[in-house]
Amino acid sequence: MTGYSGRRAGIFNCMRDALKRNEPAGIGDILKKMVQTTSLGKELEKARIVESWADVAGPYLSQHGRPATIKDGTLTIDADSPVWMHKYSYRKWDIIRRANRLAGKELISDVFVRLAPDDNDRETE
């Protein structure tokens, strides 16, 4: 069927697949398939990484930086200082491994660490 794109197409396809089997499908099954096959699922996986940041970065390191964006497989981290930027860079592969383990697939392939903007810089923007 034409006219559907993006999330709508994914939702429509999940419902269509359930109807093709000509058997009732539970809403849980439909939602599970949507998470696996639509862009909504990818966004939920990214949100899970942000929400579980202490587990991904570790309890000590996570206090000195935070995930800023996840785009095209690159996790951008805002670090508190140049010293913490270096420590995050040193732990890059551990962070990638933990994030992907949490997502259940390779969602993150690289980490970019930048200096977090000062509070004064945020107020002037």
PDB file of N, CA and C in Angstrom:
ATOM      1  N   MET A   1       0.854  -1.176   0.000  1.00  0.00           N
ATOM      2  CA  MET A   1       0.000   0.000   0.000  1.00  0.00           C
ATOM      3  C   MET A   1       0.893   1.229   0.000  1.00  0.00           C
ATOM      4  N   THR A   2       0.602   2.200  -0.812  1.00  0.00           N
ATOM      5  CA  THR A   2       1.405   3.409  -0.890  1.00  0.00           C
ATOM      6  C   THR A   2       0.793   4.485  -0.009  1.00  0.00           C
ATOM      7  N   GLY A   3       1.550   5.542   0.212  1.00  0.00           N
ATOM      8  CA  GLY A   3       1.041   6.648   1.007  1.00  0.00           C
ATOM      9  C   GLY A   3       1.551   6.625   2.440  1.00  0.00           C
ATOM     10  N   TYR A   4       2.163   5.532   2.854  1.00  0.00           N
ATOM     11  CA  TYR A   4       2.715   5.445   4.200  1.00  0.00           C
ATOM     12  C   TYR A   4       4.222   5.528   4.122  1.00  0.00           C
ATOM     13  N   SER A   5       4.815   6.236   5.068  1.00  0.00           N
ATOM     14  CA  SER A   5       6.265   6.324   5.107  1.00  0.00           C
ATOM     15  C   SER A   5       6.708   6.396   6.557  1.00  0.00           C
ATOM     16  N   GLY A   6       7.979   6.093   6.795  1.00  0.00           N
ATOM     17  CA  GLY A   6       8.556   6.211   8.126  1.00  0.00           C
ATOM     18  C   GLY A   6       7.888   5.320   9.136  1.00  0.00           C
ATOM     19  N   ARG A   7       7.584   5.883  10.309  1.00  0.00           N
ATOM     20  CA  ARG A   7       6.977   5.122  11.395  1.00  0.00           C
ATOM     21  C   ARG A   7       5.634   4.534  11.012  1.00  0.00           C
ATOM     22  N   ARG A   8       4.841   5.310  10.292  1.00  0.00           N
ATOM     23  CA  ARG A   8       3.519   4.817   9.900  1.00  0.00           C
ATOM     24  C   ARG A   8       3.620   3.558   9.065  1.00  0.00           C
ATOM     25  N   ALA A   9       4.593   3.538   8.144  1.00  0.00           N
ATOM     26  CA  ALA A   9       4.769   2.362   7.299  1.00  0.00           C
ATOM     27  C   ALA A   9       5.153   1.169   8.156  1.00  0.00           C
ATOM     28  N   GLY A  10       6.021   1.364   9.139  1.00  0.00           N
ATOM     29  CA  GLY A  10       6.427   0.264  10.011  1.00  0.00           C
ATOM     30  C   GLY A  10       5.264  -0.274  10.815  1.00  0.00           C
ATOM     31  N   ILE A  11       4.438   0.602  11.350  1.00  0.00           N
ATOM     32  CA  ILE A  11       3.261   0.180  12.111  1.00  0.00           C
ATOM     33  C   ILE A  11       2.297  -0.561  11.197  1.00  0.00           C
ATOM     34  N   PHE A  12       2.062  -0.002  10.028  1.00  0.00           N
ATOM     35  CA  PHE A  12       1.157  -0.637   9.075  1.00  0.00           C
ATOM     36  C   PHE A  12       1.662  -2.024   8.688  1.00  0.00           C
ATOM     37  N   ASN A  13       2.949  -2.148   8.418  1.00  0.00           N
ATOM     38  CA  ASN A  13       3.518  -3.438   8.020  1.00  0.00           C
ATOM     39  C   ASN A  13       3.389  -4.471   9.125  1.00  0.00           C
ATOM     40  N   CYS A  14       3.590  -4.089  10.374  1.00  0.00           N
ATOM     41  CA  CYS A  14       3.456  -5.020  11.491  1.00  0.00           C
ATOM     42  C   CYS A  14       2.019  -5.529  11.614  1.00  0.00           C
ATOM     43  N   MET A  15       1.072  -4.614  11.458  1.00  0.00           N
ATOM     44  CA  MET A  15      -0.329  -5.013  11.545  1.00  0.00           C
ATOM     45  C   MET A  15      -0.712  -5.872  10.351  1.00  0.00           C
ATOM     46  N   ARG A  16      -0.225  -5.524   9.171  1.00  0.00           N
ATOM     47  CA  ARG A  16      -0.527  -6.292   7.962  1.00  0.00           C
ATOM     48  C   ARG A  16       0.011  -7.711   8.077  1.00  0.00           C
ATOM     49  N   ASP A  17       1.215  -7.865   8.614  1.00  0.00           N
ATOM     50  CA  ASP A  17       1.805  -9.192   8.784  1.00  0.00           C
ATOM     51  C   ASP A  17       0.948 -10.056   9.703  1.00  0.00           C
ATOM     52  N   ALA A  18       0.430  -9.453  10.775  1.00  0.00           N
ATOM     53  CA  ALA A  18      -0.424 -10.203  11.696  1.00  0.00           C
ATOM     54  C   ALA A  18      -1.703 -10.636  10.999  1.00  0.00           C
ATOM     55  N   LEU A  19      -2.271  -9.789  10.169  1.00  0.00           N
ATOM     56  CA  LEU A  19      -3.496 -10.133   9.460  1.00  0.00           C
ATOM     57  C   LEU A  19      -3.256 -11.180   8.381  1.00  0.00           C
ATOM     58  N   LYS A  20      -2.095 -11.155   7.743  1.00  0.00           N
ATOM     59  CA  LYS A  20      -1.775 -12.132   6.699  1.00  0.00           C
ATOM     60  C   LYS A  20      -1.759 -13.550   7.259  1.00  0.00           C
ATOM     61  N   ARG A  21      -1.310 -13.692   8.484  1.00  0.00           N
ATOM     62  CA  ARG A  21      -1.266 -15.024   9.089  1.00  0.00           C
ATOM     63  C   ARG A  21      -2.673 -15.510   9.427  1.00  0.00           C
ATOM     64  N   ASN A  22      -3.636 -14.614   9.340  1.00  0.00           N
ATOM     65  CA  ASN A  22      -5.035 -14.942   9.584  1.00  0.00           C
ATOM     66  C   ASN A  22      -5.245 -15.552  10.966  1.00  0.00           C
ATOM     67  N   GLU A  23      -4.505 -15.030  11.906  1.00  0.00           N
ATOM     68  CA  GLU A  23      -4.658 -15.462  13.284  1.00  0.00           C
ATOM     69  C   GLU A  23      -4.535 -14.237  14.175  1.00  0.00           C
ATOM     70  N   PRO A  24      -5.191 -14.246  15.297  1.00  0.00           N
ATOM     71  CA  PRO A  24      -5.115 -13.083  16.178  1.00  0.00           C
ATOM     72  C   PRO A  24      -3.691 -12.896  16.703  1.00  0.00           C
ATOM     73  N   ALA A  25      -3.305 -11.653  16.810  1.00  0.00           N
ATOM     74  CA  ALA A  25      -1.995 -11.329  17.370  1.00  0.00           C
ATOM     75  C   ALA A  25      -2.196 -10.398  18.548  1.00  0.00           C
ATOM     76  N   GLY A  26      -1.494 -10.683  19.607  1.00  0.00           N
ATOM     77  CA  GLY A  26      -1.581  -9.840  20.789  1.00  0.00           C
ATOM     78  C   GLY A  26      -0.891  -8.510  20.540  1.00  0.00           C
ATOM     79  N   ILE A  27      -1.337  -7.498  21.235  1.00  0.00           N
ATOM     80  CA  ILE A  27      -0.743  -6.177  21.079  1.00  0.00           C
ATOM     81  C   ILE A  27       0.733  -6.208  21.472  1.00  0.00           C
ATOM     82  N   GLY A  28       1.086  -7.049  22.443  1.00  0.00           N
ATOM     83  CA  GLY A  28       2.484  -7.184  22.852  1.00  0.00           C
ATOM     84  C   GLY A  28       3.356  -7.695  21.720  1.00  0.00           C
ATOM     85  N   ASP A  29       2.833  -8.676  20.958  1.00  0.00           N
ATOM     86  CA  ASP A  29       3.582  -9.220  19.819  1.00  0.00           C
ATOM     87  C   ASP A  29       3.763  -8.167  18.725  1.00  0.00           C
ATOM     88  N   ILE A  30       2.716  -7.407  18.479  1.00  0.00           N
ATOM     89  CA  ILE A  30       2.784  -6.365  17.451  1.00  0.00           C
ATOM     90  C   ILE A  30       3.786  -5.288  17.867  1.00  0.00           C
ATOM     91  N   LEU A  31       3.739  -4.873  19.143  1.00  0.00           N
ATOM     92  CA  LEU A  31       4.676  -3.858  19.625  1.00  0.00           C
ATOM     93  C   LEU A  31       6.113  -4.372  19.593  1.00  0.00           C
ATOM     94  N   LYS A  32       6.326  -5.634  19.946  1.00  0.00           N
ATOM     95  CA  LYS A  32       7.669  -6.208  19.913  1.00  0.00           C
ATOM     96  C   LYS A  32       8.230  -6.185  18.496  1.00  0.00           C
ATOM     97  N   LYS A  33       7.392  -6.533  17.521  1.00  0.00           N
ATOM     98  CA  LYS A  33       7.836  -6.517  16.125  1.00  0.00           C
ATOM     99  C   LYS A  33       8.121  -5.082  15.675  1.00  0.00           C
ATOM    100  N   MET A  34       7.301  -4.138  16.129  1.00  0.00           N
ATOM    101  CA  MET A  34       7.531  -2.740  15.771  1.00  0.00           C
ATOM    102  C   MET A  34       8.876  -2.254  16.300  1.00  0.00           C
ATOM    103  N   VAL A  35       9.203  -2.619  17.529  1.00  0.00           N
ATOM    104  CA  VAL A  35      10.469  -2.203  18.127  1.00  0.00           C
ATOM    105  C   VAL A  35      11.635  -2.768  17.327  1.00  0.00           C
ATOM    106  N   GLN A  36      11.474  -3.976  16.801  1.00  0.00           N
ATOM    107  CA  GLN A  36      12.546  -4.624  16.051  1.00  0.00           C
ATOM    108  C   GLN A  36      12.679  -4.095  14.627  1.00  0.00           C
ATOM    109  N   THR A  37      11.606  -3.577  14.044  1.00  0.00           N
ATOM    110  CA  THR A  37      11.629  -3.289  12.612  1.00  0.00           C
ATOM    111  C   THR A  37      11.412  -1.826  12.225  1.00  0.00           C
ATOM    112  N   THR A  38      11.161  -0.951  13.172  1.00  0.00           N
ATOM    113  CA  THR A  38      10.886   0.445  12.815  1.00  0.00           C
ATOM    114  C   THR A  38      11.920   1.387  13.425  1.00  0.00           C
ATOM    115  N   SER A  39      11.915   2.611  12.951  1.00  0.00           N
ATOM    116  CA  SER A  39      12.824   3.623  13.500  1.00  0.00           C
ATOM    117  C   SER A  39      12.491   3.936  14.959  1.00  0.00           C
ATOM    118  N   LEU A  40      11.262   3.704  15.342  1.00  0.00           N
ATOM    119  CA  LEU A  40      10.862   3.900  16.741  1.00  0.00           C
ATOM    120  C   LEU A  40      11.685   2.990  17.647  1.00  0.00           C
ATOM    121  N   GLY A  41      11.913   1.773  17.224  1.00  0.00           N
ATOM    122  CA  GLY A  41      12.713   0.834  18.007  1.00  0.00           C
ATOM    123  C   GLY A  41      14.129   1.315  18.190  1.00  0.00           C
ATOM    124  N   LYS A  42      14.706   1.871  17.142  1.00  0.00           N
ATOM    125  CA  LYS A  42      16.080   2.386  17.233  1.00  0.00           C
ATOM    126  C   LYS A  42      16.154   3.550  18.208  1.00  0.00           C
ATOM    127  N   GLU A  43      15.164   4.420  18.185  1.00  0.00           N
ATOM    128  CA  GLU A  43      15.129   5.550  19.115  1.00  0.00           C
ATOM    129  C   GLU A  43      14.981   5.069  20.561  1.00  0.00           C
ATOM    130  N   LEU A  44      14.209   4.013  20.760  1.00  0.00           N
ATOM    131  CA  LEU A  44      14.057   3.458  22.108  1.00  0.00           C
ATOM    132  C   LEU A  44      15.375   2.867  22.603  1.00  0.00           C
ATOM    133  N   GLU A  45      16.129   2.219  21.711  1.00  0.00           N
ATOM    134  CA  GLU A  45      17.433   1.672  22.085  1.00  0.00           C
ATOM    135  C   GLU A  45      18.400   2.793  22.473  1.00  0.00           C
ATOM    136  N   LYS A  46      18.374   3.885  21.734  1.00  0.00           N
ATOM    137  CA  LYS A  46      19.222   5.032  22.069  1.00  0.00           C
ATOM    138  C   LYS A  46      18.833   5.595  23.431  1.00  0.00           C
ATOM    139  N   ALA A  47      17.537   5.710  23.683  1.00  0.00           N
ATOM    140  CA  ALA A  47      17.061   6.236  24.960  1.00  0.00           C
ATOM    141  C   ALA A  47      17.483   5.324  26.111  1.00  0.00           C
ATOM    142  N   ARG A  48      17.494   4.024  25.873  1.00  0.00           N
ATOM    143  CA  ARG A  48      17.912   3.077  26.900  1.00  0.00           C
ATOM    144  C   ARG A  48      19.389   3.304  27.269  1.00  0.00           C
ATOM    145  N   ILE A  49      20.225   3.615  26.294  1.00  0.00           N
ATOM    146  CA  ILE A  49      21.639   3.879  26.559  1.00  0.00           C
ATOM    147  C   ILE A  49      21.785   5.140  27.409  1.00  0.00           C
ATOM    148  N   VAL A  50      21.044   6.180  27.066  1.00  0.00           N
ATOM    149  CA  VAL A  50      21.107   7.438  27.832  1.00  0.00           C
ATOM    150  C   VAL A  50      20.605   7.204  29.254  1.00  0.00           C
ATOM    151  N   GLU A  51      19.500   6.484  29.375  1.00  0.00           N
ATOM    152  CA  GLU A  51      18.902   6.224  30.679  1.00  0.00           C
ATOM    153  C   GLU A  51      19.819   5.377  31.568  1.00  0.00           C
ATOM    154  N   SER A  52      20.577   4.482  30.975  1.00  0.00           N
ATOM    155  CA  SER A  52      21.457   3.578  31.720  1.00  0.00           C
ATOM    156  C   SER A  52      22.911   4.042  31.670  1.00  0.00           C
ATOM    157  N   TRP A  53      23.123   5.330  31.598  1.00  0.00           N
ATOM    158  CA  TRP A  53      24.461   5.873  31.402  1.00  0.00           C
ATOM    159  C   TRP A  53      25.461   5.403  32.461  1.00  0.00           C
ATOM    160  N   ALA A  54      25.049   5.310  33.715  1.00  0.00           N
ATOM    161  CA  ALA A  54      25.964   4.863  34.775  1.00  0.00           C
ATOM    162  C   ALA A  54      26.442   3.437  34.514  1.00  0.00           C
ATOM    163  N   ASP A  55      25.595   2.598  33.942  1.00  0.00           N
ATOM    164  CA  ASP A  55      25.994   1.227  33.611  1.00  0.00           C
ATOM    165  C   ASP A  55      26.893   1.195  32.386  1.00  0.00           C
ATOM    166  N   VAL A  56      26.656   2.079  31.433  1.00  0.00           N
ATOM    167  CA  VAL A  56      27.431   2.096  30.192  1.00  0.00           C
ATOM    168  C   VAL A  56      28.831   2.668  30.437  1.00  0.00           C
ATOM    169  N   ALA A  57      28.916   3.801  31.096  1.00  0.00           N
ATOM    170  CA  ALA A  57      30.206   4.461  31.306  1.00  0.00           C
ATOM    171  C   ALA A  57      30.899   4.008  32.579  1.00  0.00           C
ATOM    172  N   GLY A  58      30.138   3.439  33.496  1.00  0.00           N
ATOM    173  CA  GLY A  58      30.681   3.078  34.797  1.00  0.00           C
ATOM    174  C   GLY A  58      30.297   4.132  35.816  1.00  0.00           C
ATOM    175  N   PRO A  59      30.142   3.753  37.076  1.00  0.00           N
ATOM    176  CA  PRO A  59      29.629   4.686  38.087  1.00  0.00           C
ATOM    177  C   PRO A  59      30.536   5.899  38.319  1.00  0.00           C
ATOM    178  N   TYR A  60      31.840   5.722  38.252  1.00  0.00           N
ATOM    179  CA  TYR A  60      32.753   6.838  38.507  1.00  0.00           C
ATOM    180  C   TYR A  60      32.853   7.774  37.304  1.00  0.00           C
ATOM    181  N   LEU A  61      33.044   7.200  36.128  1.00  0.00           N
ATOM    182  CA  LEU A  61      33.209   7.987  34.912  1.00  0.00           C
ATOM    183  C   LEU A  61      31.922   8.731  34.537  1.00  0.00           C
ATOM    184  N   SER A  62      30.786   8.104  34.772  1.00  0.00           N
ATOM    185  CA  SER A  62      29.502   8.700  34.368  1.00  0.00           C
ATOM    186  C   SER A  62      29.189   9.999  35.105  1.00  0.00           C
ATOM    187  N   GLN A  63      29.837  10.235  36.226  1.00  0.00           N
ATOM    188  CA  GLN A  63      29.607  11.465  36.980  1.00  0.00           C
ATOM    189  C   GLN A  63      30.290  12.670  36.350  1.00  0.00           C
ATOM    190  N   HIS A  64      31.165  12.426  35.366  1.00  0.00           N
ATOM    191  CA  HIS A  64      31.960  13.501  34.785  1.00  0.00           C
ATOM    192  C   HIS A  64      31.737  13.677  33.287  1.00  0.00           C
ATOM    193  N   GLY A  65      30.610  13.171  32.805  1.00  0.00           N
ATOM    194  CA  GLY A  65      30.252  13.328  31.402  1.00  0.00           C
ATOM    195  C   GLY A  65      28.872  12.757  31.171  1.00  0.00           C
ATOM    196  N   ARG A  66      28.294  13.116  30.046  1.00  0.00           N
ATOM    197  CA  ARG A  66      26.947  12.646  29.739  1.00  0.00           C
ATOM    198  C   ARG A  66      26.806  12.502  28.225  1.00  0.00           C
ATOM    199  N   PRO A  67      25.970  11.572  27.797  1.00  0.00           N
ATOM    200  CA  PRO A  67      25.764  11.424  26.354  1.00  0.00           C
ATOM    201  C   PRO A  67      25.029  12.641  25.806  1.00  0.00           C
ATOM    202  N   ALA A  68      25.525  13.177  24.709  1.00  0.00           N
ATOM    203  CA  ALA A  68      24.891  14.350  24.091  1.00  0.00           C
ATOM    204  C   ALA A  68      24.016  13.912  22.921  1.00  0.00           C
ATOM    205  N   THR A  69      24.568  13.113  22.016  1.00  0.00           N
ATOM    206  CA  THR A  69      23.809  12.635  20.863  1.00  0.00           C
ATOM    207  C   THR A  69      24.277  11.241  20.474  1.00  0.00           C
ATOM    208  N   ILE A  70      23.414  10.554  19.768  1.00  0.00           N
ATOM    209  CA  ILE A  70      23.772   9.300  19.103  1.00  0.00           C
ATOM    210  C   ILE A  70      23.256   9.442  17.678  1.00  0.00           C
ATOM    211  N   LYS A  71      24.189   9.531  16.742  1.00  0.00           N
ATOM    212  CA  LYS A  71      23.802   9.760  15.353  1.00  0.00           C
ATOM    213  C   LYS A  71      24.743   8.984  14.438  1.00  0.00           C
ATOM    214  N   ASP A  72      24.177   8.269  13.496  1.00  0.00           N
ATOM    215  CA  ASP A  72      24.949   7.491  12.522  1.00  0.00           C
ATOM    216  C   ASP A  72      25.973   6.590  13.188  1.00  0.00           C
ATOM    217  N   GLY A  73      25.596   5.977  14.314  1.00  0.00           N
ATOM    218  CA  GLY A  73      26.478   5.045  15.000  1.00  0.00           C
ATOM    219  C   GLY A  73      27.529   5.685  15.875  1.00  0.00           C
ATOM    220  N   THR A  74      27.539   7.005  15.974  1.00  0.00           N
ATOM    221  CA  THR A  74      28.529   7.699  16.795  1.00  0.00           C
ATOM    222  C   THR A  74      27.869   8.274  18.044  1.00  0.00           C
ATOM    223  N   LEU A  75      28.381   7.883  19.177  1.00  0.00           N
ATOM    224  CA  LEU A  75      27.937   8.408  20.465  1.00  0.00           C
ATOM    225  C   LEU A  75      28.812   9.606  20.798  1.00  0.00           C
ATOM    226  N   THR A  76      28.204  10.780  20.949  1.00  0.00           N
ATOM    227  CA  THR A  76      28.929  11.988  21.339  1.00  0.00           C
ATOM    228  C   THR A  76      28.740  12.203  22.829  1.00  0.00           C
ATOM    229  N   ILE A  77      29.854  12.375  23.521  1.00  0.00           N
ATOM    230  CA  ILE A  77      29.845  12.548  24.971  1.00  0.00           C
ATOM    231  C   ILE A  77      30.352  13.939  25.311  1.00  0.00           C
ATOM    232  N   ASP A  78      29.629  14.651  26.182  1.00  0.00           N
ATOM    233  CA  ASP A  78      30.079  15.933  26.722  1.00  0.00           C
ATOM    234  C   ASP A  78      30.792  15.659  28.043  1.00  0.00           C
ATOM    235  N   ALA A  79      32.102  15.911  28.081  1.00  0.00           N
ATOM    236  CA  ALA A  79      32.911  15.671  29.276  1.00  0.00           C
ATOM    237  C   ALA A  79      33.116  16.975  30.041  1.00  0.00           C
ATOM    238  N   ASP A  80      33.299  16.858  31.353  1.00  0.00           N
ATOM    239  CA  ASP A  80      33.415  18.027  32.223  1.00  0.00           C
ATOM    240  C   ASP A  80      34.696  18.824  32.040  1.00  0.00           C
ATOM    241  N   SER A  81      35.785  18.190  31.653  1.00  0.00           N
ATOM    242  CA  SER A  81      37.065  18.887  31.525  1.00  0.00           C
ATOM    243  C   SER A  81      37.951  18.129  30.537  1.00  0.00           C
ATOM    244  N   PRO A  82      39.043  18.747  30.107  1.00  0.00           N
ATOM    245  CA  PRO A  82      39.965  18.036  29.212  1.00  0.00           C
ATOM    246  C   PRO A  82      40.514  16.741  29.825  1.00  0.00           C
ATOM    247  N   VAL A  83      40.707  16.728  31.130  1.00  0.00           N
ATOM    248  CA  VAL A  83      41.182  15.509  31.796  1.00  0.00           C
ATOM    249  C   VAL A  83      40.159  14.390  31.633  1.00  0.00           C
ATOM    250  N   TRP A  84      38.884  14.722  31.815  1.00  0.00           N
ATOM    251  CA  TRP A  84      37.823  13.718  31.674  1.00  0.00           C
ATOM    252  C   TRP A  84      37.620  13.336  30.212  1.00  0.00           C
ATOM    253  N   MET A  85      37.873  14.252  29.298  1.00  0.00           N
ATOM    254  CA  MET A  85      37.818  13.900  27.869  1.00  0.00           C
ATOM    255  C   MET A  85      38.830  12.787  27.590  1.00  0.00           C
ATOM    256  N   HIS A  86      40.035  12.937  28.134  1.00  0.00           N
ATOM    257  CA  HIS A  86      41.077  11.929  27.940  1.00  0.00           C
ATOM    258  C   HIS A  86      40.664  10.593  28.550  1.00  0.00           C
ATOM    259  N   LYS A  87      40.097  10.628  29.754  1.00  0.00           N
ATOM    260  CA  LYS A  87      39.676   9.383  30.407  1.00  0.00           C
ATOM    261  C   LYS A  87      38.568   8.699  29.626  1.00  0.00           C
ATOM    262  N   TYR A  88      37.621   9.484  29.091  1.00  0.00           N
ATOM    263  CA  TYR A  88      36.574   8.888  28.253  1.00  0.00           C
ATOM    264  C   TYR A  88      37.180   8.287  26.982  1.00  0.00           C
ATOM    265  N   SER A  89      38.124   8.972  26.375  1.00  0.00           N
ATOM    266  CA  SER A  89      38.775   8.449  25.171  1.00  0.00           C
ATOM    267  C   SER A  89      39.502   7.140  25.470  1.00  0.00           C
ATOM    268  N   TYR A  90      40.119   7.069  26.630  1.00  0.00           N
ATOM    269  CA  TYR A  90      40.834   5.864  27.035  1.00  0.00           C
ATOM    270  C   TYR A  90      39.884   4.681  27.209  1.00  0.00           C
ATOM    271  N   ARG A  91      38.660   4.939  27.660  1.00  0.00           N
ATOM    272  CA  ARG A  91      37.665   3.882  27.911  1.00  0.00           C
ATOM    273  C   ARG A  91      36.695   3.690  26.752  1.00  0.00           C
ATOM    274  N   LYS A  92      36.975   4.284  25.615  1.00  0.00           N
ATOM    275  CA  LYS A  92      36.096   4.277  24.447  1.00  0.00           C
ATOM    276  C   LYS A  92      35.575   2.884  24.100  1.00  0.00           C
ATOM    277  N   TRP A  93      36.462   1.907  23.995  1.00  0.00           N
ATOM    278  CA  TRP A  93      36.041   0.572  23.547  1.00  0.00           C
ATOM    279  C   TRP A  93      35.175  -0.126  24.580  1.00  0.00           C
ATOM    280  N   ASP A  94      35.432   0.127  25.870  1.00  0.00           N
ATOM    281  CA  ASP A  94      34.566  -0.429  26.915  1.00  0.00           C
ATOM    282  C   ASP A  94      33.164   0.168  26.819  1.00  0.00           C
ATOM    283  N   ILE A  95      33.095   1.463  26.561  1.00  0.00           N
ATOM    284  CA  ILE A  95      31.796   2.142  26.442  1.00  0.00           C
ATOM    285  C   ILE A  95      31.026   1.607  25.236  1.00  0.00           C
ATOM    286  N   ILE A  96      31.701   1.440  24.111  1.00  0.00           N
ATOM    287  CA  ILE A  96      31.043   0.893  22.913  1.00  0.00           C
ATOM    288  C   ILE A  96      30.526  -0.511  23.195  1.00  0.00           C
ATOM    289  N   ARG A  97      31.360  -1.337  23.799  1.00  0.00           N
ATOM    290  CA  ARG A  97      30.973  -2.726  24.082  1.00  0.00           C
ATOM    291  C   ARG A  97      29.762  -2.782  25.014  1.00  0.00           C
ATOM    292  N   ARG A  98      29.780  -1.989  26.077  1.00  0.00           N
ATOM    293  CA  ARG A  98      28.665  -1.992  27.032  1.00  0.00           C
ATOM    294  C   ARG A  98      27.382  -1.452  26.410  1.00  0.00           C
ATOM    295  N   ALA A  99      27.500  -0.385  25.621  1.00  0.00           N
ATOM    296  CA  ALA A  99      26.313   0.193  24.976  1.00  0.00           C
ATOM    297  C   ALA A  99      25.689  -0.807  24.009  1.00  0.00           C
ATOM    298  N   ASN A 100      26.512  -1.476  23.218  1.00  0.00           N
ATOM    299  CA  ASN A 100      25.992  -2.448  22.258  1.00  0.00           C
ATOM    300  C   ASN A 100      25.417  -3.676  22.958  1.00  0.00           C
ATOM    301  N   ARG A 101      26.026  -4.071  24.049  1.00  0.00           N
ATOM    302  CA  ARG A 101      25.481  -5.197  24.814  1.00  0.00           C
ATOM    303  C   ARG A 101      24.106  -4.826  25.366  1.00  0.00           C
ATOM    304  N   LEU A 102      23.963  -3.604  25.838  1.00  0.00           N
ATOM    305  CA  LEU A 102      22.680  -3.139  26.358  1.00  0.00           C
ATOM    306  C   LEU A 102      21.629  -3.098  25.245  1.00  0.00           C
ATOM    307  N   ALA A 103      22.032  -2.657  24.047  1.00  0.00           N
ATOM    308  CA  ALA A 103      21.096  -2.577  22.920  1.00  0.00           C
ATOM    309  C   ALA A 103      20.801  -3.946  22.318  1.00  0.00           C
ATOM    310  N   GLY A 104      21.691  -4.914  22.547  1.00  0.00           N
ATOM    311  CA  GLY A 104      21.486  -6.241  21.976  1.00  0.00           C
ATOM    312  C   GLY A 104      21.951  -6.362  20.538  1.00  0.00           C
ATOM    313  N   LYS A 105      22.608  -5.332  20.046  1.00  0.00           N
ATOM    314  CA  LYS A 105      23.145  -5.339  18.684  1.00  0.00           C
ATOM    315  C   LYS A 105      24.136  -4.194  18.554  1.00  0.00           C
ATOM    316  N   GLU A 106      24.824  -4.120  17.400  1.00  0.00           N
ATOM    317  CA  GLU A 106      25.781  -3.039  17.211  1.00  0.00           C
ATOM    318  C   GLU A 106      25.049  -1.759  16.826  1.00  0.00           C
ATOM    319  N   LEU A 107      24.841  -0.932  17.802  1.00  0.00           N
ATOM    320  CA  LEU A 107      24.187   0.354  17.608  1.00  0.00           C
ATOM    321  C   LEU A 107      25.226   1.474  17.583  1.00  0.00           C
ATOM    322  N   ILE A 108      26.285   1.316  18.377  1.00  0.00           N
ATOM    323  CA  ILE A 108      27.354   2.306  18.497  1.00  0.00           C
ATOM    324  C   ILE A 108      28.621   1.721  17.884  1.00  0.00           C
ATOM    325  N   SER A 109      29.224   2.472  16.962  1.00  0.00           N
ATOM    326  CA  SER A 109      30.477   2.011  16.360  1.00  0.00           C
ATOM    327  C   SER A 109      31.644   2.948  16.655  1.00  0.00           C
ATOM    328  N   ASP A 110      31.346   4.136  17.188  1.00  0.00           N
ATOM    329  CA  ASP A 110      32.407   5.085  17.499  1.00  0.00           C
ATOM    330  C   ASP A 110      31.953   6.003  18.625  1.00  0.00           C
ATOM    331  N   VAL A 111      32.929   6.585  19.304  1.00  0.00           N
ATOM    332  CA  VAL A 111      32.658   7.547  20.380  1.00  0.00           C
ATOM    333  C   VAL A 111      33.438   8.815  20.070  1.00  0.00           C
ATOM    334  N   PHE A 112      32.759   9.938  20.165  1.00  0.00           N
ATOM    335  CA  PHE A 112      33.383  11.248  20.000  1.00  0.00           C
ATOM    336  C   PHE A 112      33.202  11.995  21.312  1.00  0.00           C
ATOM    337  N   VAL A 113      34.306  12.459  21.884  1.00  0.00           N
ATOM    338  CA  VAL A 113      34.253  13.151  23.178  1.00  0.00           C
ATOM    339  C   VAL A 113      34.577  14.615  22.960  1.00  0.00           C
ATOM    340  N   ARG A 114      33.729  15.472  23.507  1.00  0.00           N
ATOM    341  CA  ARG A 114      33.961  16.911  23.403  1.00  0.00           C
ATOM    342  C   ARG A 114      33.814  17.533  24.790  1.00  0.00           C
ATOM    343  N   LEU A 115      34.339  18.726  24.922  1.00  0.00           N
ATOM    344  CA  LEU A 115      34.246  19.456  26.178  1.00  0.00           C
ATOM    345  C   LEU A 115      32.827  19.998  26.322  1.00  0.00           C
ATOM    346  N   ALA A 116      32.225  19.728  27.456  1.00  0.00           N
ATOM    347  CA  ALA A 116      30.863  20.211  27.708  1.00  0.00           C
ATOM    348  C   ALA A 116      30.871  21.730  27.775  1.00  0.00           C
ATOM    349  N   PRO A 117      29.851  22.373  27.225  1.00  0.00           N
ATOM    350  CA  PRO A 117      29.791  23.839  27.312  1.00  0.00           C
ATOM    351  C   PRO A 117      29.644  24.289  28.767  1.00  0.00           C
ATOM    352  N   ASP A 118      30.250  25.426  29.084  1.00  0.00           N
ATOM    353  CA  ASP A 118      30.109  26.000  30.426  1.00  0.00           C
ATOM    354  C   ASP A 118      28.669  26.429  30.638  1.00  0.00           C
ATOM    355  N   ASP A 119      28.263  26.513  31.901  1.00  0.00           N
ATOM    356  CA  ASP A 119      26.920  27.002  32.216  1.00  0.00           C
ATOM    357  C   ASP A 119      26.723  28.412  31.712  1.00  0.00           C
ATOM    358  N   ASN A 120      27.780  29.245  31.742  1.00  0.00           N
ATOM    359  CA  ASN A 120      27.687  30.619  31.265  1.00  0.00           C
ATOM    360  C   ASN A 120      27.432  30.642  29.758  1.00  0.00           C
ATOM    361  N   ASP A 121      28.047  29.715  29.033  1.00  0.00           N
ATOM    362  CA  ASP A 121      27.834  29.634  27.577  1.00  0.00           C
ATOM    363  C   ASP A 121      26.397  29.254  27.270  1.00  0.00           C
ATOM    364  N   ARG A 122      25.814  28.376  28.070  1.00  0.00           N
ATOM    365  CA  ARG A 122      24.439  27.938  27.837  1.00  0.00           C
ATOM    366  C   ARG A 122      23.452  29.083  28.057  1.00  0.00           C
ATOM    367  N   GLU A 123      23.728  29.959  29.038  1.00  0.00           N
ATOM    368  CA  GLU A 123      22.826  31.066  29.328  1.00  0.00           C
ATOM    369  C   GLU A 123      22.794  32.092  28.213  1.00  0.00           C
ATOM    370  N   THR A 124      23.907  32.251  27.486  1.00  0.00           N
ATOM    371  CA  THR A 124      23.956  33.275  26.432  1.00  0.00           C
ATOM    372  C   THR A 124      23.356  32.775  25.129  1.00  0.00           C
ATOM    373  N   GLU A 125      23.138  31.482  25.012  1.00  0.00           N
ATOM    374  CA  GLU A 125      22.574  30.941  23.751  1.00  0.00           C
ATOM    375  C   GLU A 125      21.092  31.154  23.656  1.00  0.00           C
TER     376      GLU A 125
END
